[in-house]
C-alpha cells in the first residue's frame, strides 16, 4: 500500500529549542489518522512541515511522494488543509467564496460544499465576516470537501464547532472516506470525537513519537490496573513494565501494555498485595492520559 506521508529522522528546532527529534512515521493510503499530544509536543509544527510552511532542521518529509518544502502546485491541489480553523477572503459571501475557490481545483465538487454549508440555514449572500467562529469553520470544511482531495490535513478541525456540528462533521467525514481511498490526518483537543472516527492513533510525546498503532490495537493492548496505596506501592516506578503511575487518594492506577497475568507476576515480585487488584476500563481519552500523564 502506498505511503501518503513519510517522515524519516525528522528533526526541527526553534533557535535552540528542540521540538522534533528524529521522528519516523509512515502514513498509509485510505485511513484516518489522529495525531494526539499535549500542547507543545509538536503537532502543529509537524503539520506546518508537511505543508511546506516550515523547512525541517534535518531529515526527510515527503507528502504524496514529493519533498514537503518543494511540493508542486499540481500535487498541492490534491491536499485539503484546515489550518487552525482560519479562512481567507472573509469579506466574500457564501456563494462568492465557493466560486472563487472552484477556479483552483480541477476536481471541484460544489455539491459537497453546499450540502454541508446549507446546514447553517444562511442565505448565499451572507458574508463570511458576519459569521460566528463555528459557522466559519463549517464553511472551511465545506470548501475542503468540495476540493475532493486525496489527502486531508485537519489541524484542530473542532475549533468553534458546537457538539451538533462536530457530530455532523464526523458523519460527513466517515462517509467521505468510506466511498473512496481518501487519507485523513487530523488533530483535535476533543479526543472523544476522535475516538469515533480515527483508524490509527499517532501519540506524540516530548521530542519523540510515543506510539503509532491502530486505535483498535491501542485500546486492546493498553491497560489500567488499580491496587490500594501501600508502602510497597511507594517503591513502584516507570520501567519496561509500567508506562505510568497515578495516585488517587488511597488507590494507585498502574498503566501498562502488559496482560493482567504479567502484571500480577510483576507486582508480586515487588511485594504488592494482589487481593483487590482490578482492571479499569479505558476509553481513548483515558488511555491517552494514562500513557502521557496528566501534567
Protein backbone atom coordinates (compact mmCIF):
# COMPACT_ATOMS: atom_id res chain seq x y z
CA UNK A 1 0.00 0.00 0.00
CA UNK A 2 1.29 3.44 -0.94
CA UNK A 3 2.69 5.73 1.77
CA UNK A 4 0.94 9.09 1.51
CA UNK A 5 3.27 10.64 4.12
CA UNK A 6 6.80 9.58 5.02
CA UNK A 7 8.90 11.13 7.78
CA UNK A 8 12.48 9.91 8.22
CA UNK A 9 14.65 11.17 11.06
CA UNK A 10 12.69 14.41 11.02
CA UNK A 11 14.19 16.98 13.38
CA UNK A 12 13.19 20.58 13.96
CA UNK A 13 14.41 23.34 16.27
CA UNK A 14 13.21 26.84 17.05
CA UNK A 15 16.54 28.57 17.76
CA UNK A 16 17.97 26.30 20.48
CA UNK A 17 14.65 24.67 21.39
CA UNK A 18 14.37 21.11 20.06
CA UNK A 19 10.74 20.30 19.19
CA UNK A 20 11.03 17.19 16.99
CA UNK A 21 13.91 14.75 17.33
CA UNK A 22 14.45 12.04 14.68
CA UNK A 23 10.74 11.46 14.09
CA UNK A 24 10.00 8.45 11.86
CA UNK A 25 6.46 7.89 10.62
CA UNK A 26 4.65 6.40 7.62
CA UNK A 27 1.01 7.13 6.81
CA UNK A 28 -0.74 4.61 4.57
CA UNK A 29 -3.34 5.43 1.97
CA UNK A 30 -7.04 5.14 2.74
CA UNK A 31 -7.06 5.52 6.53
CA UNK A 32 -7.91 8.20 9.10
CA UNK A 33 -5.02 9.06 11.40
CA UNK A 34 -5.39 11.04 14.61
CA UNK A 35 -2.36 12.90 15.98
CA UNK A 36 -2.66 13.12 19.77
CA UNK A 37 -0.34 15.01 22.07
CA UNK A 38 -0.29 17.63 24.77
CA UNK A 39 0.22 21.27 23.91
CA UNK A 40 3.78 21.98 22.81
CA UNK A 41 4.54 18.43 21.70
CA UNK A 42 4.99 19.40 18.04
CA UNK A 43 1.64 18.53 16.43
CA UNK A 44 1.18 21.85 14.63
CA UNK A 45 4.91 22.05 13.86
CA UNK A 46 4.67 18.68 12.15
CA UNK A 47 1.69 19.85 10.09
CA UNK A 48 3.50 23.07 9.14
CA UNK A 49 6.42 20.97 7.89
CA UNK A 50 4.07 18.65 5.99
CA UNK A 51 2.53 21.62 4.20
CA UNK A 52 5.88 23.22 3.41
CA UNK A 53 5.32 26.23 5.66
CA UNK A 54 8.42 25.18 7.62
CA UNK A 55 11.58 23.56 6.36
CA UNK A 56 12.82 20.94 8.85
CA UNK A 57 16.18 21.42 10.51
CA UNK A 58 17.12 17.98 9.23
CA UNK A 59 15.59 14.75 8.00
CA UNK A 60 13.15 13.89 5.22
CA UNK A 61 9.47 14.77 4.90
CA UNK A 62 7.63 13.50 1.82
CA UNK A 63 3.96 14.14 1.04
CA UNK A 64 2.36 12.29 -1.88
CA UNK A 65 5.87 11.35 -2.99
CA UNK A 66 7.32 14.89 -3.03
CA UNK A 67 9.53 16.78 -0.58
CA UNK A 68 7.19 18.80 1.59
CA UNK A 69 9.19 22.03 1.19
CA UNK A 70 9.05 21.71 -2.59
CA UNK A 71 5.51 20.46 -3.34
CA UNK A 72 4.41 21.18 -6.90
CA UNK A 73 1.18 23.15 -7.48
CA UNK A 74 -0.37 20.06 -9.07
CA UNK A 75 0.32 17.94 -6.00
CA UNK A 76 -0.69 20.70 -3.59
CA UNK A 77 -4.10 20.75 -5.28
CA UNK A 78 -4.51 17.13 -4.15
CA UNK A 79 -4.28 18.20 -0.49
CA UNK A 80 -7.10 19.74 1.54
CA UNK A 81 -5.86 21.76 4.51
CA UNK A 82 -7.65 23.10 7.57
CA UNK A 83 -5.08 25.11 9.48
CA UNK A 84 -6.35 26.03 12.94
CA UNK A 85 -9.78 26.97 11.58
CA UNK A 86 -8.77 30.03 9.55
CA UNK A 87 -10.33 31.22 6.31
CA UNK A 88 -9.05 33.86 3.92
CA UNK A 89 -11.22 36.32 1.97
CA UNK A 90 -13.83 36.56 4.69
CA UNK A 91 -15.21 39.70 3.01
CA UNK A 92 -16.84 37.37 0.47
CA UNK A 93 -20.28 35.80 0.71
CA UNK A 94 -21.08 32.09 0.95
CA UNK A 95 -21.64 31.94 -2.81
CA UNK A 96 -18.67 34.13 -3.77
CA UNK A 97 -16.11 32.18 -1.75
CA UNK A 98 -17.22 28.89 -3.32
CA UNK A 99 -17.00 30.32 -6.81
CA UNK A 100 -13.56 31.81 -6.07
CA UNK A 101 -12.05 28.57 -4.73
CA UNK A 102 -13.56 26.46 -7.53
CA UNK A 103 -11.17 28.09 -10.02
CA UNK A 104 -8.15 26.42 -8.43
CA UNK A 105 -9.25 22.77 -8.34
CA UNK A 106 -9.96 20.57 -11.35
CA UNK A 107 -11.82 18.03 -9.18
CA UNK A 108 -14.10 20.65 -7.58
CA UNK A 109 -17.49 19.33 -6.45
CA UNK A 110 -19.58 22.26 -5.29
CA UNK A 111 -22.41 19.97 -4.20
CA UNK A 112 -20.18 18.79 -1.32
CA UNK A 113 -19.78 22.41 -0.23
CA UNK A 114 -23.44 23.35 -0.37
CA UNK A 115 -24.62 20.11 1.21
CA UNK A 116 -22.61 20.95 4.33
CA UNK A 117 -22.95 24.76 4.35
CA UNK A 118 -26.71 24.69 3.78
CA UNK A 119 -26.98 23.13 7.26
CA UNK A 120 -26.17 26.63 8.58
CA UNK A 121 -29.53 27.90 7.24
CA UNK A 122 -27.95 31.11 5.94
CA UNK A 123 -28.57 32.86 2.63
CA UNK A 124 -25.95 32.57 -0.11
CA UNK A 125 -25.28 36.32 0.07
CA UNK A 126 -24.38 36.12 3.78
CA UNK A 127 -20.85 37.46 4.33
CA UNK A 128 -18.25 35.20 5.95
CA UNK A 129 -17.09 38.10 8.16
CA UNK A 130 -20.56 38.25 9.76
CA UNK A 131 -20.48 34.60 10.83
CA UNK A 132 -19.62 33.10 14.18
CA UNK A 133 -16.35 31.21 14.63
CA UNK A 134 -18.17 27.89 14.38
CA UNK A 135 -20.03 28.91 11.22
CA UNK A 136 -16.77 29.97 9.58
CA UNK A 137 -15.24 26.61 10.43
CA UNK A 138 -18.21 24.93 8.79
CA UNK A 139 -17.60 26.94 5.60
CA UNK A 140 -13.91 25.98 5.62
CA UNK A 141 -14.77 22.31 6.00
CA UNK A 142 -17.26 22.61 3.14
CA UNK A 143 -14.57 24.13 0.90
CA UNK A 144 -12.18 21.30 1.78
CA UNK A 145 -14.76 18.61 0.97
CA UNK A 146 -15.50 20.35 -2.36
CA UNK A 147 -11.82 20.05 -3.33
CA UNK A 148 -12.31 16.26 -3.27
CA UNK A 149 -8.68 15.91 -2.07
CA UNK A 150 -6.71 12.68 -1.84
CA UNK A 151 -5.21 13.82 1.45
CA UNK A 152 -6.97 15.91 4.08
CA UNK A 153 -4.90 17.55 6.82
CA UNK A 154 -7.14 18.94 9.54
CA UNK A 155 -5.43 20.83 12.36
CA UNK A 156 -7.91 21.14 15.23
CA UNK A 157 -10.97 20.71 13.00
CA UNK A 158 -13.31 21.06 16.01
CA UNK A 159 -12.33 24.68 16.76
CA UNK A 160 -15.51 26.71 17.28
CA UNK A 161 -17.89 23.87 16.39
CA UNK A 162 -20.65 23.06 18.86
CA UNK A 163 -21.45 19.38 19.64
CA UNK A 164 -24.13 19.18 16.93
CA UNK A 165 -21.87 20.46 14.15
CA UNK A 166 -18.98 18.30 15.36
CA UNK A 167 -21.21 15.24 15.14
CA UNK A 168 -22.38 16.32 11.69
CA UNK A 169 -18.79 16.71 10.52
CA UNK A 170 -17.79 13.30 11.86
CA UNK A 171 -20.67 11.70 9.93
CA UNK A 172 -19.70 13.52 6.72
CA UNK A 173 -16.04 12.61 7.06
CA UNK A 174 -16.81 8.93 7.64
CA UNK A 175 -18.94 8.86 4.51
CA UNK A 176 -16.36 10.82 2.51
CA UNK A 177 -13.55 8.39 3.35
CA UNK A 178 -15.62 5.20 3.08
CA UNK A 179 -16.63 5.87 -0.52
CA UNK A 180 -13.06 6.29 -1.81
CA UNK A 181 -9.45 5.75 -0.79
CA UNK A 182 -9.04 9.12 0.89
CA UNK A 183 -6.45 9.67 3.60
CA UNK A 184 -7.02 11.95 6.58
CA UNK A 185 -4.53 13.27 9.13
CA UNK A 186 -6.23 15.17 11.92
CA UNK A 187 -5.74 16.74 15.34
CA UNK A 188 -8.29 17.81 17.92
CA UNK A 189 -8.43 18.59 21.63
CA UNK A 190 -11.74 16.72 21.80
CA UNK A 191 -10.47 13.17 21.95
CA UNK A 192 -13.95 11.67 22.45
CA UNK A 193 -14.80 12.76 18.90
CA UNK A 194 -11.53 11.38 17.55
CA UNK A 195 -12.33 8.00 19.06
CA UNK A 196 -15.46 7.78 16.90
CA UNK A 197 -13.63 8.22 13.62
CA UNK A 198 -9.88 7.50 13.55
CA UNK A 199 -8.40 4.22 12.38
CA UNK A 200 -4.91 4.85 13.73
CA UNK A 201 -3.56 6.77 16.73
CA UNK A 202 -0.28 8.69 16.50
CA UNK A 203 0.69 9.79 20.00
CA UNK A 204 3.45 12.37 20.34
CA UNK A 205 5.48 12.96 23.48
CA UNK A 206 8.28 15.33 24.31
CA UNK A 207 10.55 15.45 21.24
CA UNK A 208 9.55 11.95 20.17
CA UNK A 209 6.86 9.62 18.88
CA UNK A 210 5.42 7.60 21.76
CA UNK A 211 3.14 5.33 19.78
CA UNK A 212 1.78 4.68 16.30
CA UNK A 213 -0.72 1.87 16.07
CA UNK A 214 -4.31 1.14 15.14
CA UNK A 215 -6.91 2.52 17.54
CA UNK A 216 -8.26 -0.98 17.99
CA UNK A 217 -4.86 -2.35 18.97
CA UNK A 218 -4.11 0.53 21.36
CA UNK A 219 -7.41 0.12 23.21
CA UNK A 220 -6.95 -3.66 23.35
CA UNK A 221 -3.31 -3.71 24.48
CA UNK A 222 -3.08 -0.74 26.88
CA UNK A 223 -4.45 -1.33 30.38
CA UNK A 224 -5.08 0.36 33.70
CA UNK A 225 -4.71 -1.77 36.84
CA UNK A 226 -5.75 -0.48 40.26
CA UNK A 227 -4.40 -1.53 43.67
CA UNK A 228 -4.62 0.06 47.15
CA UNK A 229 -1.87 2.50 48.08
CA UNK A 230 0.66 0.96 50.48
CA UNK A 231 4.29 1.14 51.48
CA UNK A 232 5.04 -1.41 48.75
CA UNK A 233 3.46 0.69 46.01
CA UNK A 234 5.58 3.66 47.08
CA UNK A 235 8.56 1.87 45.52
CA UNK A 236 6.93 1.38 42.12
CA UNK A 237 8.29 3.43 39.23
CA UNK A 238 8.04 3.53 35.45
CA UNK A 239 10.10 0.92 33.63
CA UNK A 240 9.71 -1.63 30.84
CA UNK A 241 6.55 -2.95 32.51
CA UNK A 242 4.92 0.18 33.91
CA UNK A 243 4.26 3.02 31.47
CA UNK A 244 2.82 5.40 34.04
CA UNK A 245 1.68 5.50 37.69
CA UNK A 246 -1.07 7.69 39.11
CA UNK A 247 -2.02 8.10 42.77
CA UNK A 248 -5.67 8.81 43.53
CA UNK A 249 -6.10 9.26 47.30
CA UNK A 250 -5.89 5.70 48.65
CA UNK A 251 -5.61 4.00 45.25
CA UNK A 252 -2.80 3.52 42.72
CA UNK A 253 -3.50 3.31 38.98
CA UNK A 254 -0.85 1.43 37.04
CA UNK A 255 -0.81 1.88 33.26
CA UNK A 256 0.84 -0.84 31.23
CA UNK A 257 0.90 -2.75 27.95
CA UNK A 258 1.28 -5.99 29.94
CA UNK A 259 -1.54 -8.51 30.41
CA UNK A 260 -3.13 -8.99 33.80
CA UNK A 261 -1.23 -12.25 34.37
CA UNK A 262 2.05 -10.50 33.56
CA UNK A 263 1.26 -7.55 35.83
CA UNK A 264 0.31 -9.90 38.68
CA UNK A 265 3.67 -11.63 38.41
CA UNK A 266 5.45 -8.28 38.31
CA UNK A 267 3.59 -6.82 41.32
CA UNK A 268 4.09 -9.99 43.31
CA UNK A 269 7.84 -9.63 42.82
CA UNK A 270 7.51 -6.12 44.30
CA UNK A 271 5.55 -7.41 47.32
CA UNK A 272 2.42 -5.53 46.28
CA UNK A 273 -0.83 -7.06 47.54
CA UNK A 274 -2.94 -8.54 44.72
CA UNK A 275 -6.02 -9.15 46.85
CA UNK A 276 -8.05 -6.27 45.42
CA UNK A 277 -6.26 -5.85 42.09
CA UNK A 278 -8.71 -4.93 39.35
CA UNK A 279 -8.61 -3.64 35.79
CA UNK A 280 -10.23 -0.28 35.00
CA UNK A 281 -11.84 0.04 31.50
CA UNK A 282 -10.29 2.79 29.37
CA UNK A 283 -11.68 4.98 26.60
CA UNK A 284 -9.26 6.65 24.20
CA UNK A 285 -9.01 9.83 26.30
CA UNK A 286 -8.32 7.86 29.48
CA UNK A 287 -5.73 5.72 27.69
CA UNK A 288 -4.07 8.81 26.19
CA UNK A 289 -3.80 10.49 29.61
CA UNK A 290 -2.64 7.21 31.13
CA UNK A 291 0.18 6.94 28.62
CA UNK A 292 1.27 10.60 28.58
CA UNK A 293 0.36 11.66 32.13
CA UNK A 294 -1.93 14.45 33.30
CA UNK A 295 0.81 17.05 33.62
